[in-house]
Amino acid sequence: MIRIAALAVFMATSVSAFAAEETAVKPNLAKAKTIAETVCVGCHGADGNSPISANPILAGQGSAYLFKQLTQFKSEDGKPAVRNNPIMSGMTAALSIDDMKNLAVYFSQQKMKPATSADAKLVEAGKSLWRKGDFERGIPACAGCHGPAGAGVPAQYPRLAGQYAEYTESQLKNFRSEDRSNDPEMMMRSIAEKLSDKQIKAVADYAAGLR
């Protein structure tokens, strides 16, 4: 509990610093729009609403979270990227820190076209996990960090409401297998390792329908 509280303070400080910088230095949204329409469009859409369910919807996501992900896809000084994804590593290679800040703010300001849930039975199972977790398996409620409506609580936790179920499912499985390991203090990896495939699918489908 103490470690989680300390982590929350650290992340809140980081987000506050990004927000302060964002306010002090006006982002170049025109340049970000050009990059989005030429570099990002194929996978995420020009406005961050991905046409492909395997790729995340970026529109409406928190700017600090987006900036963190972009920087962690990028390899620096010959060191491996924190988040291993060959496609995104290639896409971020030519982006400067300012470009990534601009893109993060640009996508955060776009209107999300949310995905929808597909299976009523999955939704009910996912709802229980989201709101109450699974005490017997040691799984906390998703709402504790991502909020009852999936908006993210506080801003340092990503918005999951309306995200494609296929993408959320793949990321939970990546955390479980540790193919994705950029979660501070292994928070998501420690949770995902306790989730079954069925539970992952259920909570991903439920989150897709949140508004």
N, C-alpha and C. Protein backbone atom coordinates (compact mmCIF):
# COMPACT_ATOMS: atom_id res chain seq x y z
N MET A 1 0.82 -1.20 0.00
CA MET A 1 0.00 0.00 0.00
C MET A 1 0.86 1.26 0.00
N ILE A 2 1.94 1.25 0.84
CA ILE A 2 2.83 2.40 0.90
C ILE A 2 3.53 2.61 -0.44
N ARG A 3 3.96 1.50 -1.07
CA ARG A 3 4.64 1.60 -2.35
C ARG A 3 3.72 2.17 -3.42
N ILE A 4 2.46 1.74 -3.42
CA ILE A 4 1.49 2.25 -4.39
C ILE A 4 1.24 3.72 -4.16
N ALA A 5 1.12 4.12 -2.89
CA ALA A 5 0.89 5.53 -2.58
C ALA A 5 2.07 6.39 -3.03
N ALA A 6 3.28 5.89 -2.78
CA ALA A 6 4.48 6.62 -3.19
C ALA A 6 4.55 6.75 -4.70
N LEU A 7 4.19 5.67 -5.39
CA LEU A 7 4.18 5.69 -6.85
C LEU A 7 3.18 6.71 -7.37
N ALA A 8 2.01 6.75 -6.74
CA ALA A 8 0.98 7.70 -7.17
C ALA A 8 1.47 9.14 -7.03
N VAL A 9 2.19 9.42 -5.93
CA VAL A 9 2.73 10.76 -5.71
C VAL A 9 3.76 11.09 -6.79
N PHE A 10 4.65 10.12 -7.09
CA PHE A 10 5.68 10.33 -8.10
C PHE A 10 5.06 10.61 -9.47
N MET A 11 4.07 9.79 -9.85
CA MET A 11 3.45 9.96 -11.15
C MET A 11 2.68 11.26 -11.23
N ALA A 12 2.01 11.63 -10.15
CA ALA A 12 1.26 12.89 -10.12
C ALA A 12 2.21 14.07 -10.30
N THR A 13 3.39 13.98 -9.69
CA THR A 13 4.38 15.05 -9.83
C THR A 13 4.86 15.16 -11.27
N SER A 14 5.09 14.02 -11.91
CA SER A 14 5.53 14.01 -13.30
C SER A 14 4.48 14.62 -14.22
N VAL A 15 3.21 14.25 -13.99
CA VAL A 15 2.13 14.78 -14.80
C VAL A 15 1.98 16.28 -14.58
N SER A 16 2.11 16.72 -13.33
CA SER A 16 2.00 18.13 -13.02
C SER A 16 3.09 18.93 -13.72
N ALA A 17 4.31 18.36 -13.75
CA ALA A 17 5.43 19.02 -14.41
C ALA A 17 5.16 19.16 -15.91
N PHE A 18 4.62 18.10 -16.52
CA PHE A 18 4.29 18.15 -17.94
C PHE A 18 3.22 19.20 -18.19
N ALA A 19 2.18 19.23 -17.34
CA ALA A 19 1.09 20.18 -17.50
C ALA A 19 1.59 21.62 -17.36
N ALA A 20 2.50 21.84 -16.40
CA ALA A 20 3.05 23.17 -16.20
C ALA A 20 3.84 23.61 -17.43
N GLU A 21 4.64 22.69 -17.98
CA GLU A 21 5.42 23.00 -19.17
C GLU A 21 4.51 23.26 -20.36
N GLU A 22 3.44 22.45 -20.46
CA GLU A 22 2.49 22.61 -21.55
C GLU A 22 1.85 24.00 -21.52
N THR A 23 1.58 24.49 -20.31
CA THR A 23 0.98 25.81 -20.15
C THR A 23 1.99 26.91 -20.46
N ALA A 24 3.24 26.72 -20.03
CA ALA A 24 4.28 27.73 -20.20
C ALA A 24 4.71 27.86 -21.66
N VAL A 25 4.81 26.73 -22.35
CA VAL A 25 5.24 26.74 -23.75
C VAL A 25 4.08 26.27 -24.63
N LYS A 26 3.57 27.18 -25.42
CA LYS A 26 2.41 26.85 -26.25
C LYS A 26 2.80 25.80 -27.30
N PRO A 27 2.08 24.68 -27.34
CA PRO A 27 2.42 23.63 -28.31
C PRO A 27 2.15 24.08 -29.74
N ASN A 28 2.94 23.58 -30.65
CA ASN A 28 2.78 23.89 -32.06
C ASN A 28 1.80 22.88 -32.66
N LEU A 29 0.52 23.17 -32.55
CA LEU A 29 -0.51 22.22 -32.99
C LEU A 29 -0.57 22.10 -34.50
N ALA A 30 -0.20 23.17 -35.21
CA ALA A 30 -0.20 23.12 -36.67
C ALA A 30 0.84 22.10 -37.16
N LYS A 31 2.02 22.13 -36.54
CA LYS A 31 3.07 21.16 -36.92
C LYS A 31 2.64 19.76 -36.53
N ALA A 32 2.03 19.63 -35.35
CA ALA A 32 1.56 18.32 -34.90
C ALA A 32 0.52 17.76 -35.87
N LYS A 33 -0.36 18.61 -36.33
CA LYS A 33 -1.41 18.18 -37.27
C LYS A 33 -0.79 17.66 -38.56
N THR A 34 0.25 18.34 -39.03
CA THR A 34 0.94 17.91 -40.25
C THR A 34 1.58 16.54 -40.05
N ILE A 35 2.23 16.34 -38.91
CA ILE A 35 2.84 15.03 -38.62
C ILE A 35 1.77 13.96 -38.51
N ALA A 36 0.67 14.30 -37.83
CA ALA A 36 -0.42 13.33 -37.68
C ALA A 36 -0.98 12.91 -39.03
N GLU A 37 -1.08 13.86 -39.94
CA GLU A 37 -1.69 13.59 -41.24
C GLU A 37 -0.73 12.90 -42.21
N THR A 38 0.56 12.91 -41.90
CA THR A 38 1.53 12.30 -42.81
C THR A 38 2.23 11.07 -42.23
N VAL A 39 2.44 11.06 -40.91
CA VAL A 39 3.17 9.96 -40.28
C VAL A 39 2.24 9.01 -39.52
N CYS A 40 1.31 9.57 -38.76
CA CYS A 40 0.48 8.78 -37.85
C CYS A 40 -0.80 8.24 -38.50
N VAL A 41 -1.21 8.86 -39.60
CA VAL A 41 -2.54 8.62 -40.17
C VAL A 41 -2.81 7.16 -40.52
N GLY A 42 -1.81 6.45 -41.02
CA GLY A 42 -2.02 5.09 -41.48
C GLY A 42 -2.48 4.14 -40.39
N CYS A 43 -1.98 4.33 -39.18
CA CYS A 43 -2.31 3.43 -38.07
C CYS A 43 -3.32 4.01 -37.09
N HIS A 44 -3.27 5.33 -36.90
CA HIS A 44 -4.09 5.95 -35.85
C HIS A 44 -5.13 6.94 -36.38
N GLY A 45 -5.14 7.18 -37.69
CA GLY A 45 -6.04 8.17 -38.23
C GLY A 45 -5.49 9.57 -38.00
N ALA A 46 -5.84 10.51 -38.85
CA ALA A 46 -5.31 11.87 -38.74
C ALA A 46 -5.75 12.55 -37.45
N ASP A 47 -6.90 12.12 -36.92
CA ASP A 47 -7.41 12.75 -35.69
C ASP A 47 -7.27 11.84 -34.48
N GLY A 48 -6.50 10.78 -34.61
CA GLY A 48 -6.28 9.88 -33.49
C GLY A 48 -7.33 8.81 -33.31
N ASN A 49 -8.30 8.75 -34.22
CA ASN A 49 -9.32 7.70 -34.17
C ASN A 49 -8.91 6.60 -35.14
N SER A 50 -8.21 5.62 -34.62
CA SER A 50 -7.66 4.56 -35.46
C SER A 50 -8.75 3.82 -36.22
N PRO A 51 -8.52 3.56 -37.52
CA PRO A 51 -9.49 2.78 -38.29
C PRO A 51 -9.33 1.28 -38.08
N ILE A 52 -8.30 0.89 -37.33
CA ILE A 52 -7.97 -0.53 -37.13
C ILE A 52 -8.01 -0.85 -35.64
N SER A 53 -8.80 -1.84 -35.27
CA SER A 53 -9.00 -2.14 -33.85
C SER A 53 -7.75 -2.69 -33.14
N ALA A 54 -6.76 -3.12 -33.91
CA ALA A 54 -5.52 -3.59 -33.29
C ALA A 54 -4.64 -2.43 -32.84
N ASN A 55 -4.94 -1.24 -33.33
CA ASN A 55 -4.18 -0.04 -32.97
C ASN A 55 -5.01 0.84 -32.05
N PRO A 56 -4.37 1.48 -31.06
CA PRO A 56 -5.15 2.25 -30.09
C PRO A 56 -5.75 3.54 -30.63
N ILE A 57 -6.89 3.90 -30.09
CA ILE A 57 -7.47 5.21 -30.31
C ILE A 57 -6.68 6.19 -29.44
N LEU A 58 -6.13 7.22 -30.05
CA LEU A 58 -5.34 8.21 -29.31
C LEU A 58 -6.15 9.46 -28.97
N ALA A 59 -7.20 9.71 -29.73
CA ALA A 59 -8.01 10.90 -29.52
C ALA A 59 -8.59 10.91 -28.10
N GLY A 60 -8.42 12.03 -27.41
CA GLY A 60 -8.99 12.17 -26.07
C GLY A 60 -8.16 11.56 -24.96
N GLN A 61 -7.05 10.92 -25.31
CA GLN A 61 -6.18 10.35 -24.27
C GLN A 61 -5.41 11.47 -23.59
N GLY A 62 -5.01 11.29 -22.35
CA GLY A 62 -4.28 12.32 -21.63
C GLY A 62 -2.95 12.65 -22.30
N SER A 63 -2.63 13.94 -22.40
CA SER A 63 -1.41 14.36 -23.11
C SER A 63 -0.15 13.86 -22.41
N ALA A 64 -0.13 13.88 -21.08
CA ALA A 64 1.06 13.42 -20.36
C ALA A 64 1.31 11.93 -20.60
N TYR A 65 0.23 11.15 -20.62
CA TYR A 65 0.35 9.72 -20.87
C TYR A 65 0.85 9.47 -22.30
N LEU A 66 0.29 10.19 -23.28
CA LEU A 66 0.72 10.02 -24.66
C LEU A 66 2.19 10.38 -24.84
N PHE A 67 2.60 11.46 -24.20
CA PHE A 67 3.99 11.89 -24.30
C PHE A 67 4.92 10.82 -23.72
N LYS A 68 4.54 10.28 -22.58
CA LYS A 68 5.35 9.23 -21.97
C LYS A 68 5.52 8.04 -22.91
N GLN A 69 4.42 7.60 -23.53
CA GLN A 69 4.50 6.44 -24.41
C GLN A 69 5.38 6.73 -25.62
N LEU A 70 5.22 7.92 -26.22
CA LEU A 70 6.02 8.27 -27.39
C LEU A 70 7.51 8.26 -27.05
N THR A 71 7.88 8.86 -25.93
CA THR A 71 9.29 8.91 -25.56
C THR A 71 9.84 7.52 -25.26
N GLN A 72 9.00 6.64 -24.74
CA GLN A 72 9.48 5.31 -24.38
C GLN A 72 9.54 4.35 -25.57
N PHE A 73 8.94 4.73 -26.69
CA PHE A 73 9.09 3.97 -27.93
C PHE A 73 10.42 4.32 -28.61
N LYS A 74 10.96 5.48 -28.29
CA LYS A 74 12.13 6.01 -28.99
C LYS A 74 13.43 5.53 -28.36
N SER A 75 14.32 5.01 -29.18
CA SER A 75 15.64 4.59 -28.72
C SER A 75 16.55 5.81 -28.63
N GLU A 76 17.29 5.92 -27.54
CA GLU A 76 18.17 7.06 -27.33
C GLU A 76 19.59 6.59 -27.03
N ASP A 77 20.56 7.25 -27.68
CA ASP A 77 21.98 6.98 -27.42
C ASP A 77 22.34 5.50 -27.58
N GLY A 78 21.71 4.86 -28.55
CA GLY A 78 22.01 3.46 -28.82
C GLY A 78 21.41 2.47 -27.85
N LYS A 79 20.68 2.98 -26.86
CA LYS A 79 20.06 2.10 -25.87
C LYS A 79 18.70 1.62 -26.38
N PRO A 80 18.31 0.40 -26.02
CA PRO A 80 17.00 -0.11 -26.44
C PRO A 80 15.88 0.77 -25.89
N ALA A 81 14.81 0.90 -26.65
CA ALA A 81 13.66 1.66 -26.19
C ALA A 81 13.05 0.98 -24.97
N VAL A 82 12.50 1.77 -24.09
CA VAL A 82 11.85 1.22 -22.89
C VAL A 82 10.66 0.35 -23.29
N ARG A 83 9.93 0.79 -24.28
CA ARG A 83 8.78 0.03 -24.78
C ARG A 83 9.13 -0.54 -26.14
N ASN A 84 9.20 -1.84 -26.24
CA ASN A 84 9.67 -2.51 -27.44
C ASN A 84 8.55 -2.68 -28.46
N ASN A 85 8.64 -1.91 -29.55
CA ASN A 85 7.69 -2.03 -30.65
C ASN A 85 8.40 -1.53 -31.91
N PRO A 86 8.82 -2.44 -32.79
CA PRO A 86 9.61 -2.05 -33.96
C PRO A 86 8.94 -0.99 -34.83
N ILE A 87 7.61 -1.09 -34.99
CA ILE A 87 6.91 -0.12 -35.83
C ILE A 87 6.96 1.27 -35.19
N MET A 88 6.61 1.35 -33.90
CA MET A 88 6.60 2.65 -33.24
C MET A 88 8.01 3.19 -33.03
N SER A 89 8.98 2.33 -32.86
CA SER A 89 10.37 2.79 -32.76
C SER A 89 10.79 3.48 -34.05
N GLY A 90 10.37 2.90 -35.18
CA GLY A 90 10.67 3.51 -36.47
C GLY A 90 9.96 4.83 -36.65
N MET A 91 8.72 4.90 -36.19
CA MET A 91 7.92 6.11 -36.34
C MET A 91 8.45 7.26 -35.48
N THR A 92 8.95 6.95 -34.31
CA THR A 92 9.42 8.00 -33.40
C THR A 92 10.88 8.38 -33.62
N ALA A 93 11.60 7.60 -34.43
CA ALA A 93 13.03 7.82 -34.62
C ALA A 93 13.34 9.24 -35.07
N ALA A 94 12.51 9.77 -35.96
CA ALA A 94 12.78 11.10 -36.52
C ALA A 94 12.07 12.22 -35.75
N LEU A 95 11.35 11.87 -34.69
CA LEU A 95 10.62 12.89 -33.94
C LEU A 95 11.49 13.46 -32.82
N SER A 96 11.45 14.79 -32.69
CA SER A 96 12.14 15.44 -31.59
C SER A 96 11.27 15.40 -30.35
N ILE A 97 11.83 15.77 -29.21
CA ILE A 97 11.05 15.85 -27.98
C ILE A 97 9.90 16.83 -28.15
N ASP A 98 10.17 17.96 -28.79
CA ASP A 98 9.11 18.95 -29.03
C ASP A 98 8.02 18.38 -29.93
N ASP A 99 8.42 17.63 -30.95
CA ASP A 99 7.42 17.00 -31.83
C ASP A 99 6.49 16.09 -31.02
N MET A 100 7.08 15.31 -30.13
CA MET A 100 6.29 14.37 -29.33
C MET A 100 5.38 15.11 -28.34
N LYS A 101 5.88 16.21 -27.77
CA LYS A 101 5.03 17.02 -26.90
C LYS A 101 3.87 17.61 -27.68
N ASN A 102 4.17 18.12 -28.86
CA ASN A 102 3.12 18.71 -29.70
C ASN A 102 2.06 17.67 -30.08
N LEU A 103 2.53 16.49 -30.49
CA LEU A 103 1.60 15.42 -30.88
C LEU A 103 0.74 14.98 -29.70
N ALA A 104 1.35 14.88 -28.53
CA ALA A 104 0.61 14.45 -27.34
C ALA A 104 -0.54 15.41 -27.04
N VAL A 105 -0.26 16.70 -27.11
CA VAL A 105 -1.31 17.69 -26.85
C VAL A 105 -2.34 17.67 -27.98
N TYR A 106 -1.87 17.57 -29.22
CA TYR A 106 -2.79 17.56 -30.37
C TYR A 106 -3.79 16.42 -30.28
N PHE A 107 -3.30 15.20 -30.06
CA PHE A 107 -4.21 14.05 -30.00
C PHE A 107 -5.13 14.12 -28.78
N SER A 108 -4.62 14.67 -27.68
CA SER A 108 -5.45 14.76 -26.48
C SER A 108 -6.65 15.69 -26.69
N GLN A 109 -6.52 16.62 -27.63
CA GLN A 109 -7.58 17.60 -27.88
C GLN A 109 -8.57 17.16 -28.96
N GLN A 110 -8.30 16.02 -29.59
CA GLN A 110 -9.21 15.53 -30.62
C GLN A 110 -10.40 14.80 -29.99
N LYS A 111 -11.52 14.82 -30.68
CA LYS A 111 -12.73 14.18 -30.17
C LYS A 111 -12.69 12.68 -30.45
N MET A 112 -12.84 11.91 -29.40
CA MET A 112 -12.80 10.46 -29.53
C MET A 112 -14.09 9.92 -30.15
N LYS A 113 -13.91 8.96 -31.05
CA LYS A 113 -15.04 8.20 -31.59
C LYS A 113 -14.96 6.82 -30.94
N PRO A 114 -15.64 6.64 -29.82
CA PRO A 114 -15.42 5.44 -29.00
C PRO A 114 -15.87 4.14 -29.64
N ALA A 115 -15.17 3.08 -29.27
CA ALA A 115 -15.55 1.73 -29.67
C ALA A 115 -16.76 1.31 -28.85
N THR A 116 -17.26 0.12 -29.11
CA THR A 116 -18.43 -0.39 -28.37
C THR A 116 -18.17 -1.81 -27.89
N SER A 117 -18.92 -2.20 -26.86
CA SER A 117 -18.86 -3.58 -26.38
C SER A 117 -19.57 -4.49 -27.38
N ALA A 118 -19.16 -5.76 -27.39
CA ALA A 118 -19.71 -6.67 -28.39
C ALA A 118 -20.47 -7.85 -27.80
N ASP A 119 -20.23 -8.19 -26.54
CA ASP A 119 -20.81 -9.41 -25.97
C ASP A 119 -21.40 -9.11 -24.59
N ALA A 120 -22.72 -9.27 -24.46
CA ALA A 120 -23.41 -8.93 -23.20
C ALA A 120 -22.90 -9.75 -22.02
N LYS A 121 -22.61 -11.04 -22.25
CA LYS A 121 -22.11 -11.88 -21.16
C LYS A 121 -20.73 -11.43 -20.70
N LEU A 122 -19.89 -11.07 -21.67
CA LEU A 122 -18.56 -10.57 -21.32
C LEU A 122 -18.65 -9.28 -20.55
N VAL A 123 -19.59 -8.44 -20.95
CA VAL A 123 -19.76 -7.14 -20.30
C VAL A 123 -20.09 -7.32 -18.83
N GLU A 124 -20.96 -8.25 -18.51
CA GLU A 124 -21.34 -8.48 -17.11
C GLU A 124 -20.15 -8.96 -16.29
N ALA A 125 -19.37 -9.87 -16.85
CA ALA A 125 -18.18 -10.37 -16.15
C ALA A 125 -17.15 -9.25 -16.00
N GLY A 126 -16.99 -8.46 -17.07
CA GLY A 126 -16.04 -7.37 -17.04
C GLY A 126 -16.45 -6.28 -16.07
N LYS A 127 -17.73 -6.04 -15.96
CA LYS A 127 -18.25 -5.04 -15.03
C LYS A 127 -17.88 -5.37 -13.59
N SER A 128 -18.00 -6.65 -13.24
CA SER A 128 -17.67 -7.08 -11.89
C SER A 128 -16.18 -6.88 -11.61
N LEU A 129 -15.34 -7.26 -12.56
CA LEU A 129 -13.89 -7.06 -12.39
C LEU A 129 -13.55 -5.59 -12.31
N TRP A 130 -14.18 -4.79 -13.15
CA TRP A 130 -13.89 -3.36 -13.19
C TRP A 130 -14.25 -2.69 -11.87
N ARG A 131 -15.39 -3.05 -11.33
CA ARG A 131 -15.89 -2.37 -10.13
C ARG A 131 -15.39 -2.98 -8.82
N LYS A 132 -15.23 -4.31 -8.80
CA LYS A 132 -14.90 -4.97 -7.54
C LYS A 132 -13.59 -5.74 -7.56
N GLY A 133 -13.08 -6.05 -8.74
CA GLY A 133 -11.90 -6.89 -8.84
C GLY A 133 -12.24 -8.34 -8.55
N ASP A 134 -11.26 -9.13 -8.21
CA ASP A 134 -11.45 -10.54 -7.87
C ASP A 134 -10.61 -10.81 -6.63
N PHE A 135 -11.25 -10.79 -5.47
CA PHE A 135 -10.55 -10.90 -4.19
C PHE A 135 -9.78 -12.21 -4.08
N GLU A 136 -10.40 -13.30 -4.51
CA GLU A 136 -9.77 -14.61 -4.37
C GLU A 136 -8.47 -14.71 -5.17
N ARG A 137 -8.39 -14.04 -6.30
CA ARG A 137 -7.19 -14.08 -7.14
C ARG A 137 -6.26 -12.90 -6.86
N GLY A 138 -6.66 -12.03 -5.93
CA GLY A 138 -5.81 -10.89 -5.58
C GLY A 138 -5.78 -9.81 -6.65
N ILE A 139 -6.90 -9.67 -7.37
CA ILE A 139 -6.99 -8.69 -8.46
C ILE A 139 -7.77 -7.47 -7.97
N PRO A 140 -7.17 -6.29 -7.95
CA PRO A 140 -7.89 -5.09 -7.51
C PRO A 140 -8.87 -4.61 -8.57
N ALA A 141 -9.80 -3.79 -8.17
CA ALA A 141 -10.77 -3.22 -9.10
C ALA A 141 -10.07 -2.28 -10.08
N CYS A 142 -10.38 -2.41 -11.35
CA CYS A 142 -9.78 -1.53 -12.37
C CYS A 142 -10.14 -0.07 -12.11
N ALA A 143 -11.36 0.13 -11.56
CA ALA A 143 -11.84 1.48 -11.30
C ALA A 143 -10.96 2.23 -10.32
N GLY A 144 -10.19 1.51 -9.50
CA GLY A 144 -9.35 2.15 -8.51
C GLY A 144 -8.33 3.09 -9.13
N CYS A 145 -7.83 2.75 -10.32
CA CYS A 145 -6.85 3.61 -11.00
C CYS A 145 -7.44 4.29 -12.23
N HIS A 146 -8.32 3.58 -12.92
CA HIS A 146 -8.82 4.11 -14.20
C HIS A 146 -10.18 4.78 -14.08
N GLY A 147 -10.75 4.77 -12.88
CA GLY A 147 -12.00 5.48 -12.64
C GLY A 147 -13.23 4.66 -12.96
N PRO A 148 -14.34 4.94 -12.30
CA PRO A 148 -15.58 4.20 -12.55
C PRO A 148 -16.02 4.24 -14.01
N ALA A 149 -15.77 5.38 -14.67
CA ALA A 149 -16.18 5.52 -16.07
C ALA A 149 -15.02 5.33 -17.04
N GLY A 150 -13.86 4.92 -16.52
CA GLY A 150 -12.73 4.62 -17.38
C GLY A 150 -11.97 5.82 -17.90
N ALA A 151 -12.19 7.00 -17.30
CA ALA A 151 -11.54 8.22 -17.79
C ALA A 151 -10.11 8.36 -17.30
N GLY A 152 -9.73 7.57 -16.30
CA GLY A 152 -8.39 7.69 -15.74
C GLY A 152 -8.41 8.53 -14.47
N VAL A 153 -7.96 7.98 -13.35
CA VAL A 153 -7.98 8.70 -12.08
C VAL A 153 -6.65 8.49 -11.37
N PRO A 154 -5.87 9.53 -11.12
CA PRO A 154 -5.99 10.84 -11.78
C PRO A 154 -5.43 10.79 -13.19
N ALA A 155 -4.96 11.90 -13.71
CA ALA A 155 -4.58 11.97 -15.13
C ALA A 155 -3.44 11.05 -15.51
N GLN A 156 -2.64 10.60 -14.55
CA GLN A 156 -1.49 9.77 -14.91
C GLN A 156 -1.88 8.36 -15.33
N TYR A 157 -3.09 7.94 -15.04
CA TYR A 157 -3.55 6.63 -15.49
C TYR A 157 -4.34 6.79 -16.78
N PRO A 158 -4.07 5.96 -17.80
CA PRO A 158 -4.68 6.19 -19.11
C PRO A 158 -6.19 6.00 -19.14
N ARG A 159 -6.78 6.72 -20.06
CA ARG A 159 -8.20 6.54 -20.34
C ARG A 159 -8.39 5.21 -21.07
N LEU A 160 -9.30 4.37 -20.57
CA LEU A 160 -9.60 3.10 -21.23
C LEU A 160 -11.02 3.08 -21.79
N ALA A 161 -11.85 4.00 -21.34
CA ALA A 161 -13.23 4.05 -21.81
C ALA A 161 -13.26 4.28 -23.33
N GLY A 162 -13.99 3.41 -24.03
CA GLY A 162 -14.14 3.56 -25.47
C GLY A 162 -12.97 3.05 -26.28
N GLN A 163 -11.94 2.53 -25.62
CA GLN A 163 -10.79 1.99 -26.35
C GLN A 163 -11.18 0.66 -26.99
N TYR A 164 -10.59 0.36 -28.12
CA TYR A 164 -10.88 -0.91 -28.78
C TYR A 164 -10.60 -2.08 -27.84
N ALA A 165 -11.55 -2.99 -27.73
CA ALA A 165 -11.36 -4.16 -26.87
C ALA A 165 -10.17 -4.99 -27.33
N GLU A 166 -10.00 -5.12 -28.64
CA GLU A 166 -8.89 -5.92 -29.16
C GLU A 166 -7.55 -5.35 -28.70
N TYR A 167 -7.42 -4.02 -28.72
CA TYR A 167 -6.16 -3.41 -28.30
C TYR A 167 -5.95 -3.56 -26.80
N THR A 168 -6.97 -3.28 -26.00
CA THR A 168 -6.83 -3.43 -24.55
C THR A 168 -6.48 -4.86 -24.18
N GLU A 169 -7.14 -5.81 -24.84
CA GLU A 169 -6.85 -7.23 -24.57
C GLU A 169 -5.40 -7.55 -24.89
N SER A 170 -4.90 -7.07 -26.01
CA SER A 170 -3.52 -7.37 -26.40
C SER A 170 -2.52 -6.77 -25.43
N GLN A 171 -2.82 -5.57 -24.92
CA GLN A 171 -1.88 -4.93 -23.98
C GLN A 171 -1.87 -5.64 -22.63
N LEU A 172 -3.02 -6.08 -22.17
CA LEU A 172 -3.07 -6.83 -20.92
C LEU A 172 -2.28 -8.14 -21.04
N LYS A 173 -2.40 -8.78 -22.18
CA LYS A 173 -1.64 -10.02 -22.40
C LYS A 173 -0.14 -9.72 -22.52
N ASN A 174 0.19 -8.57 -23.11
CA ASN A 174 1.60 -8.18 -23.21
C ASN A 174 2.18 -7.90 -21.83
N PHE A 175 1.39 -7.27 -20.96
CA PHE A 175 1.85 -7.05 -19.59
C PHE A 175 2.04 -8.39 -18.88
N ARG A 176 1.10 -9.30 -19.11
CA ARG A 176 1.15 -10.60 -18.44
C ARG A 176 2.39 -11.39 -18.86
N SER A 177 2.72 -11.33 -20.13
CA SER A 177 3.89 -12.06 -20.63
C SER A 177 5.19 -11.27 -20.45
N GLU A 178 5.04 -10.02 -20.01
CA GLU A 178 6.16 -9.08 -19.84
C GLU A 178 6.78 -8.67 -21.17
N ASP A 179 6.06 -8.84 -22.27
CA ASP A 179 6.49 -8.26 -23.54
C ASP A 179 6.38 -6.74 -23.46
N ARG A 180 5.48 -6.27 -22.60
CA ARG A 180 5.40 -4.84 -22.30
C ARG A 180 5.76 -4.68 -20.83
N SER A 181 6.73 -3.81 -20.57
CA SER A 181 7.21 -3.70 -19.19
C SER A 181 7.49 -2.26 -18.78
N ASN A 182 6.74 -1.31 -19.34
CA ASN A 182 6.98 0.09 -18.99
C ASN A 182 6.00 0.61 -17.94
N ASP A 183 5.45 -0.31 -17.17
CA ASP A 183 4.56 0.07 -16.07
C ASP A 183 5.38 0.29 -14.81
N PRO A 184 5.30 1.47 -14.18
CA PRO A 184 6.08 1.75 -12.98
C PRO A 184 5.80 0.73 -11.87
N GLU A 185 6.87 0.28 -11.23
CA GLU A 185 6.76 -0.65 -10.11
C GLU A 185 6.02 -1.93 -10.46
N MET A 186 5.98 -2.28 -11.75
CA MET A 186 5.33 -3.51 -12.23
C MET A 186 3.85 -3.60 -11.84
N MET A 187 3.22 -2.46 -11.73
CA MET A 187 1.82 -2.46 -11.29
C MET A 187 0.92 -3.29 -12.21
N MET A 188 1.00 -3.02 -13.52
CA MET A 188 0.12 -3.74 -14.45
C MET A 188 0.57 -5.18 -14.67
N ARG A 189 1.87 -5.40 -14.62
CA ARG A 189 2.34 -6.78 -14.79
C ARG A 189 1.90 -7.66 -13.63
N SER A 190 1.93 -7.12 -12.43
CA SER A 190 1.54 -7.91 -11.26
C SER A 190 0.04 -8.20 -11.26
N ILE A 191 -0.74 -7.31 -11.85
CA ILE A 191 -2.18 -7.53 -11.95
C ILE A 191 -2.50 -8.48 -13.10
N ALA A 192 -1.91 -8.21 -14.26
CA ALA A 192 -2.22 -8.99 -15.45
C ALA A 192 -1.84 -10.47 -15.31
N GLU A 193 -0.78 -10.75 -14.54
CA GLU A 193 -0.35 -12.14 -14.39
C GLU A 193 -1.39 -12.99 -13.67
N LYS A 194 -2.31 -12.32 -12.97
CA LYS A 194 -3.36 -13.04 -12.23
C LYS A 194 -4.65 -13.17 -13.04
N LEU A 195 -4.71 -12.50 -14.18
CA LEU A 195 -5.92 -12.53 -15.00
C LEU A 195 -5.90 -13.69 -15.98
N SER A 196 -7.02 -14.39 -16.09
CA SER A 196 -7.15 -15.43 -17.09
C SER A 196 -7.46 -14.79 -18.44
N ASP A 197 -7.34 -15.57 -19.51
CA ASP A 197 -7.69 -15.06 -20.83
C ASP A 197 -9.14 -14.58 -20.86
N LYS A 198 -10.01 -15.33 -20.21
CA LYS A 198 -11.42 -14.98 -20.19
C LYS A 198 -11.65 -13.67 -19.45
N GLN A 199 -10.96 -13.48 -18.35
CA GLN A 199 -11.11 -12.23 -17.59
C GLN A 199 -10.56 -11.04 -18.38
N ILE A 200 -9.45 -11.25 -19.05
CA ILE A 200 -8.88 -10.18 -19.87
C ILE A 200 -9.84 -9.77 -20.97
N LYS A 201 -10.41 -10.75 -21.64
CA LYS A 201 -11.36 -10.45 -22.71
C LYS A 201 -12.59 -9.73 -22.16
N ALA A 202 -13.05 -10.16 -20.99
CA ALA A 202 -14.25 -9.57 -20.40
C ALA A 202 -14.02 -8.12 -20.01
N VAL A 203 -12.93 -7.83 -19.34
CA VAL A 203 -12.69 -6.46 -18.89
C VAL A 203 -12.38 -5.55 -20.07
N ALA A 204 -11.75 -6.07 -21.11
CA ALA A 204 -11.47 -5.27 -22.31
C ALA A 204 -12.78 -4.91 -23.02
N ASP A 205 -13.69 -5.86 -23.09
CA ASP A 205 -14.97 -5.61 -23.76
C ASP A 205 -15.80 -4.61 -22.94
N TYR A 206 -15.76 -4.75 -21.64
CA TYR A 206 -16.51 -3.83 -20.78
C TYR A 206 -15.98 -2.40 -20.92
N ALA A 207 -14.65 -2.25 -20.91
CA ALA A 207 -14.04 -0.93 -21.03
C ALA A 207 -14.40 -0.26 -22.36
N ALA A 208 -14.52 -1.06 -23.41
CA ALA A 208 -14.86 -0.50 -24.73
C ALA A 208 -16.22 0.20 -24.72
N GLY A 209 -17.12 -0.28 -23.86
CA GLY A 209 -18.45 0.29 -23.81
C GLY A 209 -18.63 1.40 -22.79
N LEU A 210 -17.59 1.68 -22.00
CA LEU A 210 -17.69 2.76 -21.02
C LEU A 210 -17.69 4.12 -21.68
N ARG A 211 -18.41 5.04 -21.05
CA ARG A 211 -18.47 6.42 -21.58
C ARG A 211 -18.30 7.41 -20.44
